[in-house]
Structures are given as structure tokens and as C-alpha cells.
Amino acid sequence: MLAAKEEQLREFQEEMAALKENLLEDDKEPCCLPQRSVPKDTCSLYRENDQIMTSLEQWAKQQKVANEKLGNKLREQVKYIAKLSGEKESFLLLYTRIKKDSHNQVTHTPSVLGQFIW
């Protein structure tokens, strides 16, 4: 999930860079100067595009923070799983040892009945 979010973030960043590049190229040509007969709609489109880019940048930053938090939680869970696995292995070894010791005590205990066999 983290990898997918990071990939999505990279795609948005690439798209954002391309849009910024296009915007910079367009900014080289004056858009809203009186000497040019450019409709006001074009200028409003540029402003809207800038607002979208700002929103996209904010969203990308939020996604990055969320992904970092998720990554930290995943790392914590991996450590906890490793700890639990180690404890499970220790308990299994202890159980095996106790079972073996208990079996040895039963087989090495002299039979009371064996004393009376003639």
C-alpha cells in the first residue's frame, strides 16, 4: 500500500512539474496586458490552474506525511511480529523441553509393580 501511494505521489509530482513547465512557458508571453487582445477567460484559467497546482502540492505533501506515518506504523508492526515470533519460538522450545523431561521422568521411574513380580 505504501509503495502504491509513493508511486501515485511520484506520478502527481511529475504531472505537477510538467504543468509548471507549461505555465512558465506561457508566462513568458504576457497574457493580460492591454496591448494584446487576450480574453479575460484565459487569465482566469491561468489563475485557476495556479490554484489547482497549489492544491495539488498541498495534497502531495499531505500524502507524503500520511505515507511516512503509515511506513512508521508498518515498521513498528514488523518489529512487534519479530518479537512475538521470537517469544513463540522460545515458548515452543521450553514446551518441548518440559515435555521431554516429563517423558524421561515417567520412563525412568521404577515400577512399584515390578518389585512384586517373582
PDB file of N, CA and C in Angstrom:
ATOM      1  N   MET A   1       0.828  -1.187   0.000  1.00  0.00           N
ATOM      2  CA  MET A   1       0.000   0.000   0.000  1.00  0.00           C
ATOM      3  C   MET A   1       0.872   1.251   0.000  1.00  0.00           C
ATOM      4  N   LEU A   2       1.939   1.203   0.796  1.00  0.00           N
ATOM      5  CA  LEU A   2       2.859   2.326   0.871  1.00  0.00           C
ATOM      6  C   LEU A   2       3.531   2.555  -0.478  1.00  0.00           C
ATOM      7  N   ALA A   3       3.934   1.483  -1.124  1.00  0.00           N
ATOM      8  CA  ALA A   3       4.586   1.601  -2.426  1.00  0.00           C
ATOM      9  C   ALA A   3       3.634   2.195  -3.456  1.00  0.00           C
ATOM     10  N   ALA A   4       2.372   1.790  -3.415  1.00  0.00           N
ATOM     11  CA  ALA A   4       1.391   2.319  -4.355  1.00  0.00           C
ATOM     12  C   ALA A   4       1.178   3.812  -4.128  1.00  0.00           C
ATOM     13  N   LYS A   5       1.120   4.231  -2.862  1.00  0.00           N
ATOM     14  CA  LYS A   5       0.955   5.649  -2.547  1.00  0.00           C
ATOM     15  C   LYS A   5       2.174   6.443  -3.004  1.00  0.00           C
ATOM     16  N   GLU A   6       3.358   5.876  -2.795  1.00  0.00           N
ATOM     17  CA  GLU A   6       4.572   6.570  -3.230  1.00  0.00           C
ATOM     18  C   GLU A   6       4.607   6.696  -4.747  1.00  0.00           C
ATOM     19  N   GLU A   7       4.187   5.658  -5.452  1.00  0.00           N
ATOM     20  CA  GLU A   7       4.129   5.710  -6.911  1.00  0.00           C
ATOM     21  C   GLU A   7       3.129   6.774  -7.362  1.00  0.00           C
ATOM     22  N   GLN A   8       1.988   6.820  -6.716  1.00  0.00           N
ATOM     23  CA  GLN A   8       0.971   7.821  -7.043  1.00  0.00           C
ATOM     24  C   GLN A   8       1.524   9.223  -6.780  1.00  0.00           C
ATOM     25  N   LEU A   9       2.243   9.391  -5.697  1.00  0.00           N
ATOM     26  CA  LEU A   9       2.847  10.672  -5.369  1.00  0.00           C
ATOM     27  C   LEU A   9       3.860  11.074  -6.446  1.00  0.00           C
ATOM     28  N   ARG A  10       4.694  10.129  -6.879  1.00  0.00           N
ATOM     29  CA  ARG A  10       5.668  10.413  -7.934  1.00  0.00           C
ATOM     30  C   ARG A  10       4.965  10.838  -9.218  1.00  0.00           C
ATOM     31  N   GLU A  11       3.872  10.147  -9.566  1.00  0.00           N
ATOM     32  CA  GLU A  11       3.136  10.494 -10.778  1.00  0.00           C
ATOM     33  C   GLU A  11       2.566  11.904 -10.683  1.00  0.00           C
ATOM     34  N   PHE A  12       2.009  12.236  -9.525  1.00  0.00           N
ATOM     35  CA  PHE A  12       1.469  13.584  -9.341  1.00  0.00           C
ATOM     36  C   PHE A  12       2.578  14.631  -9.409  1.00  0.00           C
ATOM     37  N   GLN A  13       3.722  14.311  -8.847  1.00  0.00           N
ATOM     38  CA  GLN A  13       4.832  15.258  -8.871  1.00  0.00           C
ATOM     39  C   GLN A  13       5.319  15.471 -10.306  1.00  0.00           C
ATOM     40  N   GLU A  14       5.374  14.401 -11.087  1.00  0.00           N
ATOM     41  CA  GLU A  14       5.779  14.533 -12.480  1.00  0.00           C
ATOM     42  C   GLU A  14       4.765  15.365 -13.260  1.00  0.00           C
ATOM     43  N   GLU A  15       3.492  15.094 -13.021  1.00  0.00           N
ATOM     44  CA  GLU A  15       2.447  15.861 -13.690  1.00  0.00           C
ATOM     45  C   GLU A  15       2.518  17.327 -13.276  1.00  0.00           C
ATOM     46  N   MET A  16       2.770  17.560 -12.008  1.00  0.00           N
ATOM     47  CA  MET A  16       2.858  18.918 -11.497  1.00  0.00           C
ATOM     48  C   MET A  16       4.047  19.639 -12.138  1.00  0.00           C
ATOM     49  N   ALA A  17       5.174  18.947 -12.255  1.00  0.00           N
ATOM     50  CA  ALA A  17       6.353  19.559 -12.867  1.00  0.00           C
ATOM     51  C   ALA A  17       6.075  19.917 -14.330  1.00  0.00           C
ATOM     52  N   ALA A  18       5.387  19.026 -15.046  1.00  0.00           N
ATOM     53  CA  ALA A  18       5.055  19.295 -16.444  1.00  0.00           C
ATOM     54  C   ALA A  18       4.107  20.490 -16.553  1.00  0.00           C
ATOM     55  N   LEU A  19       3.131  20.552 -15.665  1.00  0.00           N
ATOM     56  CA  LEU A  19       2.201  21.684 -15.681  1.00  0.00           C
ATOM     57  C   LEU A  19       2.912  22.993 -15.338  1.00  0.00           C
ATOM     58  N   LYS A  20       3.822  22.946 -14.390  1.00  0.00           N
ATOM     59  CA  LYS A  20       4.576  24.143 -14.042  1.00  0.00           C
ATOM     60  C   LYS A  20       5.423  24.604 -15.227  1.00  0.00           C
ATOM     61  N   GLU A  21       6.039  23.632 -15.888  1.00  0.00           N
ATOM     62  CA  GLU A  21       6.867  23.958 -17.048  1.00  0.00           C
ATOM     63  C   GLU A  21       6.024  24.630 -18.132  1.00  0.00           C
ATOM     64  N   ASN A  22       4.849  24.077 -18.382  1.00  0.00           N
ATOM     65  CA  ASN A  22       3.952  24.682 -19.373  1.00  0.00           C
ATOM     66  C   ASN A  22       3.536  26.078 -18.931  1.00  0.00           C
ATOM     67  N   LEU A  23       3.262  26.225 -17.659  1.00  0.00           N
ATOM     68  CA  LEU A  23       2.849  27.521 -17.139  1.00  0.00           C
ATOM     69  C   LEU A  23       3.972  28.541 -17.286  1.00  0.00           C
ATOM     70  N   LEU A  24       5.211  28.111 -16.991  1.00  0.00           N
ATOM     71  CA  LEU A  24       6.351  29.019 -17.125  1.00  0.00           C
ATOM     72  C   LEU A  24       6.549  29.442 -18.572  1.00  0.00           C
ATOM     73  N   GLU A  25       6.364  28.503 -19.478  1.00  0.00           N
ATOM     74  CA  GLU A  25       6.480  28.834 -20.902  1.00  0.00           C
ATOM     75  C   GLU A  25       5.398  29.837 -21.305  1.00  0.00           C
ATOM     76  N   ASP A  26       4.211  29.622 -20.800  1.00  0.00           N
ATOM     77  CA  ASP A  26       3.107  30.530 -21.121  1.00  0.00           C
ATOM     78  C   ASP A  26       3.300  31.892 -20.461  1.00  0.00           C
ATOM     79  N   ASP A  27       3.939  31.905 -19.287  1.00  0.00           N
ATOM     80  CA  ASP A  27       4.167  33.170 -18.589  1.00  0.00           C
ATOM     81  C   ASP A  27       5.170  34.050 -19.328  1.00  0.00           C
ATOM     82  N   LYS A  28       6.009  33.431 -20.128  1.00  0.00           N
ATOM     83  CA  LYS A  28       6.971  34.210 -20.900  1.00  0.00           C
ATOM     84  C   LYS A  28       6.247  35.126 -21.885  1.00  0.00           C
ATOM     85  N   GLU A  29       5.069  34.678 -22.294  1.00  0.00           N
ATOM     86  CA  GLU A  29       4.242  35.500 -23.162  1.00  0.00           C
ATOM     87  C   GLU A  29       3.235  36.220 -22.280  1.00  0.00           C
ATOM     88  N   PRO A  30       3.225  37.545 -22.308  1.00  0.00           N
ATOM     89  CA  PRO A  30       2.279  38.256 -21.454  1.00  0.00           C
ATOM     90  C   PRO A  30       0.840  37.932 -21.844  1.00  0.00           C
ATOM     91  N   CYS A  31       0.012  37.696 -20.826  1.00  0.00           N
ATOM     92  CA  CYS A  31      -1.349  37.289 -21.161  1.00  0.00           C
ATOM     93  C   CYS A  31      -2.375  38.381 -20.929  1.00  0.00           C
ATOM     94  N   CYS A  32      -2.170  39.162 -19.929  1.00  0.00           N
ATOM     95  CA  CYS A  32      -3.234  40.099 -19.559  1.00  0.00           C
ATOM     96  C   CYS A  32      -2.850  41.555 -19.789  1.00  0.00           C
ATOM     97  N   LEU A  33      -1.949  41.809 -20.660  1.00  0.00           N
ATOM     98  CA  LEU A  33      -1.567  43.186 -20.940  1.00  0.00           C
ATOM     99  C   LEU A  33      -2.559  43.797 -21.924  1.00  0.00           C
ATOM    100  N   PRO A  34      -2.832  45.075 -21.771  1.00  0.00           N
ATOM    101  CA  PRO A  34      -3.834  45.715 -22.637  1.00  0.00           C
ATOM    102  C   PRO A  34      -3.472  45.688 -24.111  1.00  0.00           C
ATOM    103  N   GLN A  35      -2.161  45.653 -24.449  1.00  0.00           N
ATOM    104  CA  GLN A  35      -1.792  45.694 -25.857  1.00  0.00           C
ATOM    105  C   GLN A  35      -2.185  44.415 -26.596  1.00  0.00           C
ATOM    106  N   ARG A  36      -2.391  43.342 -25.847  1.00  0.00           N
ATOM    107  CA  ARG A  36      -2.806  42.096 -26.501  1.00  0.00           C
ATOM    108  C   ARG A  36      -4.291  41.922 -26.321  1.00  0.00           C
ATOM    109  N   SER A  37      -4.899  41.328 -27.257  1.00  0.00           N
ATOM    110  CA  SER A  37      -6.339  41.099 -27.157  1.00  0.00           C
ATOM    111  C   SER A  37      -6.596  39.661 -26.699  1.00  0.00           C
ATOM    112  N   VAL A  38      -6.184  39.378 -25.482  1.00  0.00           N
ATOM    113  CA  VAL A  38      -6.383  38.053 -24.908  1.00  0.00           C
ATOM    114  C   VAL A  38      -7.624  38.133 -24.026  1.00  0.00           C
ATOM    115  N   PRO A  39      -8.519  37.208 -24.190  1.00  0.00           N
ATOM    116  CA  PRO A  39      -9.729  37.242 -23.373  1.00  0.00           C
ATOM    117  C   PRO A  39      -9.401  37.091 -21.889  1.00  0.00           C
ATOM    118  N   LYS A  40     -10.237  37.700 -21.062  1.00  0.00           N
ATOM    119  CA  LYS A  40     -10.034  37.602 -19.618  1.00  0.00           C
ATOM    120  C   LYS A  40     -10.190  36.172 -19.141  1.00  0.00           C
ATOM    121  N   ASP A  41     -10.914  35.382 -19.885  1.00  0.00           N
ATOM    122  CA  ASP A  41     -11.082  33.974 -19.514  1.00  0.00           C
ATOM    123  C   ASP A  41      -9.742  33.260 -19.456  1.00  0.00           C
ATOM    124  N   THR A  42      -8.838  33.624 -20.351  1.00  0.00           N
ATOM    125  CA  THR A  42      -7.524  32.985 -20.365  1.00  0.00           C
ATOM    126  C   THR A  42      -6.783  33.289 -19.072  1.00  0.00           C
ATOM    127  N   CYS A  43      -6.832  34.530 -18.634  1.00  0.00           N
ATOM    128  CA  CYS A  43      -6.165  34.902 -17.381  1.00  0.00           C
ATOM    129  C   CYS A  43      -6.800  34.169 -16.199  1.00  0.00           C
ATOM    130  N   SER A  44      -8.107  34.067 -16.209  1.00  0.00           N
ATOM    131  CA  SER A  44      -8.753  33.355 -15.113  1.00  0.00           C
ATOM    132  C   SER A  44      -8.394  31.869 -15.148  1.00  0.00           C
ATOM    133  N   LEU A  45      -8.187  31.342 -16.344  1.00  0.00           N
ATOM    134  CA  LEU A  45      -7.753  29.944 -16.456  1.00  0.00           C
ATOM    135  C   LEU A  45      -6.361  29.763 -15.863  1.00  0.00           C
ATOM    136  N   TYR A  46      -5.490  30.736 -16.104  1.00  0.00           N
ATOM    137  CA  TYR A  46      -4.154  30.661 -15.520  1.00  0.00           C
ATOM    138  C   TYR A  46      -4.226  30.704 -13.991  1.00  0.00           C
ATOM    139  N   ARG A  47      -5.064  31.591 -13.465  1.00  0.00           N
ATOM    140  CA  ARG A  47      -5.220  31.680 -12.012  1.00  0.00           C
ATOM    141  C   ARG A  47      -5.802  30.374 -11.455  1.00  0.00           C
ATOM    142  N   GLU A  48      -6.768  29.853 -12.157  1.00  0.00           N
ATOM    143  CA  GLU A  48      -7.385  28.597 -11.711  1.00  0.00           C
ATOM    144  C   GLU A  48      -6.371  27.465 -11.757  1.00  0.00           C
ATOM    145  N   ASN A  49      -5.569  27.464 -12.814  1.00  0.00           N
ATOM    146  CA  ASN A  49      -4.526  26.441 -12.935  1.00  0.00           C
ATOM    147  C   ASN A  49      -3.538  26.568 -11.779  1.00  0.00           C
ATOM    148  N   ASP A  50      -3.190  27.795 -11.422  1.00  0.00           N
ATOM    149  CA  ASP A  50      -2.271  28.023 -10.313  1.00  0.00           C
ATOM    150  C   ASP A  50      -2.876  27.534  -9.001  1.00  0.00           C
ATOM    151  N   GLN A  51      -4.165  27.780  -8.814  1.00  0.00           N
ATOM    152  CA  GLN A  51      -4.842  27.313  -7.605  1.00  0.00           C
ATOM    153  C   GLN A  51      -4.864  25.780  -7.557  1.00  0.00           C
ATOM    154  N   ILE A  52      -5.099  25.173  -8.688  1.00  0.00           N
ATOM    155  CA  ILE A  52      -5.105  23.706  -8.760  1.00  0.00           C
ATOM    156  C   ILE A  52      -3.725  23.168  -8.425  1.00  0.00           C
ATOM    157  N   MET A  53      -2.700  23.815  -8.971  1.00  0.00           N
ATOM    158  CA  MET A  53      -1.331  23.366  -8.699  1.00  0.00           C
ATOM    159  C   MET A  53      -1.006  23.494  -7.206  1.00  0.00           C
ATOM    160  N   THR A  54      -1.430  24.597  -6.594  1.00  0.00           N
ATOM    161  CA  THR A  54      -1.195  24.784  -5.165  1.00  0.00           C
ATOM    162  C   THR A  54      -1.914  23.707  -4.366  1.00  0.00           C
ATOM    163  N   SER A  55      -3.159  23.436  -4.738  1.00  0.00           N
ATOM    164  CA  SER A  55      -3.923  22.391  -4.050  1.00  0.00           C
ATOM    165  C   SER A  55      -3.262  21.029  -4.226  1.00  0.00           C
ATOM    166  N   LEU A  56      -2.782  20.782  -5.425  1.00  0.00           N
ATOM    167  CA  LEU A  56      -2.126  19.508  -5.704  1.00  0.00           C
ATOM    168  C   LEU A  56      -0.841  19.380  -4.893  1.00  0.00           C
ATOM    169  N   GLU A  57      -0.092  20.458  -4.781  1.00  0.00           N
ATOM    170  CA  GLU A  57       1.135  20.426  -3.972  1.00  0.00           C
ATOM    171  C   GLU A  57       0.807  20.146  -2.509  1.00  0.00           C
ATOM    172  N   GLN A  58      -0.235  20.802  -2.004  1.00  0.00           N
ATOM    173  CA  GLN A  58      -0.636  20.564  -0.613  1.00  0.00           C
ATOM    174  C   GLN A  58      -1.075  19.122  -0.417  1.00  0.00           C
ATOM    175  N   TRP A  59      -1.841  18.619  -1.365  1.00  0.00           N
ATOM    176  CA  TRP A  59      -2.299  17.230  -1.272  1.00  0.00           C
ATOM    177  C   TRP A  59      -1.100  16.278  -1.297  1.00  0.00           C
ATOM    178  N   ALA A  60      -0.145  16.560  -2.178  1.00  0.00           N
ATOM    179  CA  ALA A  60       1.038  15.701  -2.275  1.00  0.00           C
ATOM    180  C   ALA A  60       1.814  15.701  -0.955  1.00  0.00           C
ATOM    181  N   LYS A  61       1.931  16.879  -0.333  1.00  0.00           N
ATOM    182  CA  LYS A  61       2.626  16.958   0.955  1.00  0.00           C
ATOM    183  C   LYS A  61       1.874  16.168   2.020  1.00  0.00           C
ATOM    184  N   GLN A  62       0.550  16.281   2.015  1.00  0.00           N
ATOM    185  CA  GLN A  62      -0.258  15.538   2.988  1.00  0.00           C
ATOM    186  C   GLN A  62      -0.111  14.035   2.773  1.00  0.00           C
ATOM    187  N   GLN A  63      -0.096  13.621   1.508  1.00  0.00           N
ATOM    188  CA  GLN A  63       0.070  12.205   1.203  1.00  0.00           C
ATOM    189  C   GLN A  63       1.437  11.712   1.651  1.00  0.00           C
ATOM    190  N   LYS A  64       2.453  12.550   1.466  1.00  0.00           N
ATOM    191  CA  LYS A  64       3.800  12.162   1.875  1.00  0.00           C
ATOM    192  C   LYS A  64       3.854  11.956   3.389  1.00  0.00           C
ATOM    193  N   VAL A  65       3.265  12.892   4.135  1.00  0.00           N
ATOM    194  CA  VAL A  65       3.238  12.773   5.597  1.00  0.00           C
ATOM    195  C   VAL A  65       2.467  11.520   6.007  1.00  0.00           C
ATOM    196  N   ALA A  66       1.300  11.308   5.371  1.00  0.00           N
ATOM    197  CA  ALA A  66       0.487  10.126   5.694  1.00  0.00           C
ATOM    198  C   ALA A  66       1.252   8.847   5.368  1.00  0.00           C
ATOM    199  N   ASN A  67       1.957   8.833   4.236  1.00  0.00           N
ATOM    200  CA  ASN A  67       2.732   7.651   3.850  1.00  0.00           C
ATOM    201  C   ASN A  67       3.874   7.400   4.825  1.00  0.00           C
ATOM    202  N   GLU A  68       4.512   8.473   5.290  1.00  0.00           N
ATOM    203  CA  GLU A  68       5.591   8.306   6.265  1.00  0.00           C
ATOM    204  C   GLU A  68       5.046   7.739   7.571  1.00  0.00           C
ATOM    205  N   LYS A  69       3.883   8.239   8.011  1.00  0.00           N
ATOM    206  CA  LYS A  69       3.271   7.708   9.230  1.00  0.00           C
ATOM    207  C   LYS A  69       2.916   6.236   9.055  1.00  0.00           C
ATOM    208  N   LEU A  70       2.343   5.908   7.898  1.00  0.00           N
ATOM    209  CA  LEU A  70       1.987   4.520   7.618  1.00  0.00           C
ATOM    210  C   LEU A  70       3.233   3.643   7.590  1.00  0.00           C
ATOM    211  N   GLY A  71       4.291   4.136   6.969  1.00  0.00           N
ATOM    212  CA  GLY A  71       5.550   3.383   6.934  1.00  0.00           C
ATOM    213  C   GLY A  71       6.096   3.138   8.327  1.00  0.00           C
ATOM    214  N   ASN A  72       6.020   4.165   9.189  1.00  0.00           N
ATOM    215  CA  ASN A  72       6.491   4.003  10.571  1.00  0.00           C
ATOM    216  C   ASN A  72       5.662   2.965  11.308  1.00  0.00           C
ATOM    217  N   LYS A  73       4.338   3.007  11.116  1.00  0.00           N
ATOM    218  CA  LYS A  73       3.478   2.011  11.764  1.00  0.00           C
ATOM    219  C   LYS A  73       3.803   0.607  11.269  1.00  0.00           C
ATOM    220  N   LEU A  74       4.022   0.482   9.972  1.00  0.00           N
ATOM    221  CA  LEU A  74       4.363  -0.830   9.412  1.00  0.00           C
ATOM    222  C   LEU A  74       5.680  -1.340   9.995  1.00  0.00           C
ATOM    223  N   ARG A  75       6.677  -0.456  10.113  1.00  0.00           N
ATOM    224  CA  ARG A  75       7.957  -0.868  10.690  1.00  0.00           C
ATOM    225  C   ARG A  75       7.777  -1.309  12.147  1.00  0.00           C
ATOM    226  N   GLU A  76       6.951  -0.574  12.897  1.00  0.00           N
ATOM    227  CA  GLU A  76       6.678  -0.958  14.287  1.00  0.00           C
ATOM    228  C   GLU A  76       6.013  -2.327  14.346  1.00  0.00           C
ATOM    229  N   GLN A  77       5.064  -2.559  13.456  1.00  0.00           N
ATOM    230  CA  GLN A  77       4.369  -3.844  13.443  1.00  0.00           C
ATOM    231  C   GLN A  77       5.309  -4.981  13.060  1.00  0.00           C
ATOM    232  N   VAL A  78       6.219  -4.727  12.135  1.00  0.00           N
ATOM    233  CA  VAL A  78       7.189  -5.755  11.746  1.00  0.00           C
ATOM    234  C   VAL A  78       8.082  -6.103  12.938  1.00  0.00           C
ATOM    235  N   LYS A  79       8.517  -5.069  13.682  1.00  0.00           N
ATOM    236  CA  LYS A  79       9.333  -5.329  14.882  1.00  0.00           C
ATOM    237  C   LYS A  79       8.542  -6.134  15.907  1.00  0.00           C
ATOM    238  N   TYR A  80       7.278  -5.767  16.089  1.00  0.00           N
ATOM    239  CA  TYR A  80       6.437  -6.461  17.068  1.00  0.00           C
ATOM    240  C   TYR A  80       6.214  -7.913  16.645  1.00  0.00           C
ATOM    241  N   ILE A  81       5.985  -8.147  15.366  1.00  0.00           N
ATOM    242  CA  ILE A  81       5.809  -9.508  14.855  1.00  0.00           C
ATOM    243  C   ILE A  81       7.083 -10.313  15.064  1.00  0.00           C
ATOM    244  N   ALA A  82       8.234  -9.690  14.810  1.00  0.00           N
ATOM    245  CA  ALA A  82       9.508 -10.387  15.026  1.00  0.00           C
ATOM    246  C   ALA A  82       9.669 -10.749  16.499  1.00  0.00           C
ATOM    247  N   LYS A  83       9.287  -9.819  17.387  1.00  0.00           N
ATOM    248  CA  LYS A  83       9.374 -10.080  18.827  1.00  0.00           C
ATOM    249  C   LYS A  83       8.461 -11.239  19.211  1.00  0.00           C
ATOM    250  N   LEU A  84       7.224 -11.207  18.717  1.00  0.00           N
ATOM    251  CA  LEU A  84       6.281 -12.277  19.024  1.00  0.00           C
ATOM    252  C   LEU A  84       6.757 -13.617  18.466  1.00  0.00           C
ATOM    253  N   SER A  85       7.331 -13.593  17.282  1.00  0.00           N
ATOM    254  CA  SER A  85       7.848 -14.838  16.690  1.00  0.00           C
ATOM    255  C   SER A  85       8.966 -15.407  17.550  1.00  0.00           C
ATOM    256  N   GLY A  86       9.838 -14.529  18.051  1.00  0.00           N
ATOM    257  CA  GLY A  86      10.916 -14.980  18.930  1.00  0.00           C
ATOM    258  C   GLY A  86      10.379 -15.568  20.218  1.00  0.00           C
ATOM    259  N   GLU A  87       9.367 -14.892  20.784  1.00  0.00           N
ATOM    260  CA  GLU A  87       8.756 -15.414  22.014  1.00  0.00           C
ATOM    261  C   GLU A  87       8.079 -16.751  21.758  1.00  0.00           C
ATOM    262  N   LYS A  88       7.412 -16.873  20.636  1.00  0.00           N
ATOM    263  CA  LYS A  88       6.745 -18.130  20.291  1.00  0.00           C
ATOM    264  C   LYS A  88       7.775 -19.254  20.188  1.00  0.00           C
ATOM    265  N   GLU A  89       8.891 -18.949  19.537  1.00  0.00           N
ATOM    266  CA  GLU A  89       9.934 -19.958  19.393  1.00  0.00           C
ATOM    267  C   GLU A  89      10.501 -20.357  20.751  1.00  0.00           C
ATOM    268  N   SER A  90      10.686 -19.371  21.626  1.00  0.00           N
ATOM    269  CA  SER A  90      11.187 -19.664  22.977  1.00  0.00           C
ATOM    270  C   SER A  90      10.206 -20.540  23.741  1.00  0.00           C
ATOM    271  N   PHE A  91       8.926 -20.197  23.665  1.00  0.00           N
ATOM    272  CA  PHE A  91       7.906 -20.997  24.348  1.00  0.00           C
ATOM    273  C   PHE A  91       7.839 -22.410  23.780  1.00  0.00           C
ATOM    274  N   LEU A  92       7.985 -22.544  22.482  1.00  0.00           N
ATOM    275  CA  LEU A  92       7.957 -23.860  21.847  1.00  0.00           C
ATOM    276  C   LEU A  92       9.137 -24.699  22.325  1.00  0.00           C
ATOM    277  N   LEU A  93      10.321 -24.088  22.403  1.00  0.00           N
ATOM    278  CA  LEU A  93      11.488 -24.816  22.908  1.00  0.00           C
ATOM    279  C   LEU A  93      11.291 -25.216  24.365  1.00  0.00           C
ATOM    280  N   LEU A  94      10.764 -24.306  25.156  1.00  0.00           N
ATOM    281  CA  LEU A  94      10.508 -24.600  26.561  1.00  0.00           C
ATOM    282  C   LEU A  94       9.481 -25.719  26.700  1.00  0.00           C
ATOM    283  N   TYR A  95       8.422 -25.656  25.928  1.00  0.00           N
ATOM    284  CA  TYR A  95       7.389 -26.694  25.947  1.00  0.00           C
ATOM    285  C   TYR A  95       7.982 -28.044  25.561  1.00  0.00           C
ATOM    286  N   THR A  96       8.796 -28.062  24.517  1.00  0.00           N
ATOM    287  CA  THR A  96       9.424 -29.315  24.071  1.00  0.00           C
ATOM    288  C   THR A  96      10.333 -29.870  25.163  1.00  0.00           C
ATOM    289  N   ARG A  97      11.087 -28.995  25.801  1.00  0.00           N
ATOM    290  CA  ARG A  97      11.990 -29.429  26.865  1.00  0.00           C
ATOM    291  C   ARG A  97      11.202 -29.981  28.053  1.00  0.00           C
ATOM    292  N   ILE A  98      10.137 -29.301  28.445  1.00  0.00           N
ATOM    293  CA  ILE A  98       9.310 -29.767  29.565  1.00  0.00           C
ATOM    294  C   ILE A  98       8.665 -31.101  29.223  1.00  0.00           C
ATOM    295  N   LYS A  99       8.167 -31.218  28.014  1.00  0.00           N
ATOM    296  CA  LYS A  99       7.528 -32.469  27.592  1.00  0.00           C
ATOM    297  C   LYS A  99       8.544 -33.608  27.607  1.00  0.00           C
ATOM    298  N   LYS A 100       9.759 -33.331  27.129  1.00  0.00           N
ATOM    299  CA  LYS A 100      10.811 -34.349  27.099  1.00  0.00           C
ATOM    300  C   LYS A 100      11.198 -34.741  28.525  1.00  0.00           C
ATOM    301  N   ASP A 101      11.377 -33.736  29.391  1.00  0.00           N
ATOM    302  CA  ASP A 101      11.729 -34.013  30.785  1.00  0.00           C
ATOM    303  C   ASP A 101      10.628 -34.815  31.477  1.00  0.00           C
ATOM    304  N   SER A 102       9.399 -34.469  31.223  1.00  0.00           N
ATOM    305  CA  SER A 102       8.283 -35.174  31.838  1.00  0.00           C
ATOM    306  C   SER A 102       8.238 -36.615  31.311  1.00  0.00           C
ATOM    307  N   HIS A 103       8.519 -36.815  30.038  1.00  0.00           N
ATOM    308  CA  HIS A 103       8.538 -38.164  29.462  1.00  0.00           C
ATOM    309  C   HIS A 103       9.684 -38.971  30.064  1.00  0.00           C
ATOM    310  N   ASN A 104      10.851 -38.356  30.250  1.00  0.00           N
ATOM    311  CA  ASN A 104      12.005 -39.043  30.840  1.00  0.00           C
ATOM    312  C   ASN A 104      11.712 -39.446  32.278  1.00  0.00           C
ATOM    313  N   GLN A 105      11.016 -38.633  33.017  1.00  0.00           N
ATOM    314  CA  GLN A 105      10.697 -38.967  34.404  1.00  0.00           C
ATOM    315  C   GLN A 105       9.773 -40.177  34.467  1.00  0.00           C
ATOM    316  N   VAL A 106       8.836 -40.267  33.533  1.00  0.00           N
ATOM    317  CA  VAL A 106       7.909 -41.395  33.527  1.00  0.00           C
ATOM    318  C   VAL A 106       8.638 -42.671  33.153  1.00  0.00           C
ATOM    319  N   THR A 107       9.537 -42.643  32.199  1.00  0.00           N
ATOM    320  CA  THR A 107      10.216 -43.861  31.751  1.00  0.00           C
ATOM    321  C   THR A 107      11.291 -44.310  32.728  1.00  0.00           C
ATOM    322  N   HIS A 108      11.873 -43.379  33.509  1.00  0.00           N
ATOM    323  CA  HIS A 108      12.927 -43.751  34.445  1.00  0.00           C
ATOM    324  C   HIS A 108      12.425 -44.002  35.857  1.00  0.00           C
ATOM    325  N   THR A 109      11.167 -43.832  36.098  1.00  0.00           N
ATOM    326  CA  THR A 109      10.603 -44.082  37.417  1.00  0.00           C
ATOM    327  C   THR A 109      10.441 -45.590  37.585  1.00  0.00           C
ATOM    328  N   PRO A 110      11.032 -46.150  38.637  1.00  0.00           N
ATOM    329  CA  PRO A 110      10.909 -47.608  38.828  1.00  0.00           C
ATOM    330  C   PRO A 110       9.457 -47.987  39.098  1.00  0.00           C
ATOM    331  N   SER A 111       9.084 -49.080  38.550  1.00  0.00           N
ATOM    332  CA  SER A 111       7.720 -49.543  38.707  1.00  0.00           C
ATOM    333  C   SER A 111       7.539 -50.214  40.058  1.00  0.00           C
ATOM    334  N   VAL A 112       6.502 -49.828  40.721  1.00  0.00           N
ATOM    335  CA  VAL A 112       6.188 -50.447  42.012  1.00  0.00           C
ATOM    336  C   VAL A 112       5.708 -51.878  41.750  1.00  0.00           C
ATOM    337  N   LEU A 113       5.036 -52.060  40.641  1.00  0.00           N
ATOM    338  CA  LEU A 113       4.561 -53.411  40.323  1.00  0.00           C
ATOM    339  C   LEU A 113       5.701 -54.351  40.011  1.00  0.00           C
ATOM    340  N   GLY A 114       6.767 -53.814  39.455  1.00  0.00           N
ATOM    341  CA  GLY A 114       7.921 -54.645  39.092  1.00  0.00           C
ATOM    342  C   GLY A 114       8.579 -55.259  40.306  1.00  0.00           C
ATOM    343  N   GLN A 115       8.425 -54.714  41.450  1.00  0.00           N
ATOM    344  CA  GLN A 115       9.036 -55.250  42.671  1.00  0.00           C
ATOM    345  C   GLN A 115       8.344 -56.523  43.118  1.00  0.00           C
ATOM    346  N   PHE A 116       7.114 -56.680  42.775  1.00  0.00           N
ATOM    347  CA  PHE A 116       6.365 -57.831  43.236  1.00  0.00           C
ATOM    348  C   PHE A 116       6.315 -58.966  42.227  1.00  0.00           C
ATOM    349  N   ILE A 117       6.930 -58.763  41.106  1.00  0.00           N
ATOM    350  CA  ILE A 117       6.919 -59.834  40.113  1.00  0.00           C
ATOM    351  C   ILE A 117       7.992 -60.864  40.521  1.00  0.00           C
ATOM    352  N   TRP A 118       7.598 -62.180  40.589  1.00  0.00           N
ATOM    353  CA  TRP A 118       8.533 -63.230  41.002  1.00  0.00           C
ATOM    354  C   TRP A 118       8.991 -64.010  39.860  1.00  0.00           C
TER     355      TRP A 118
END
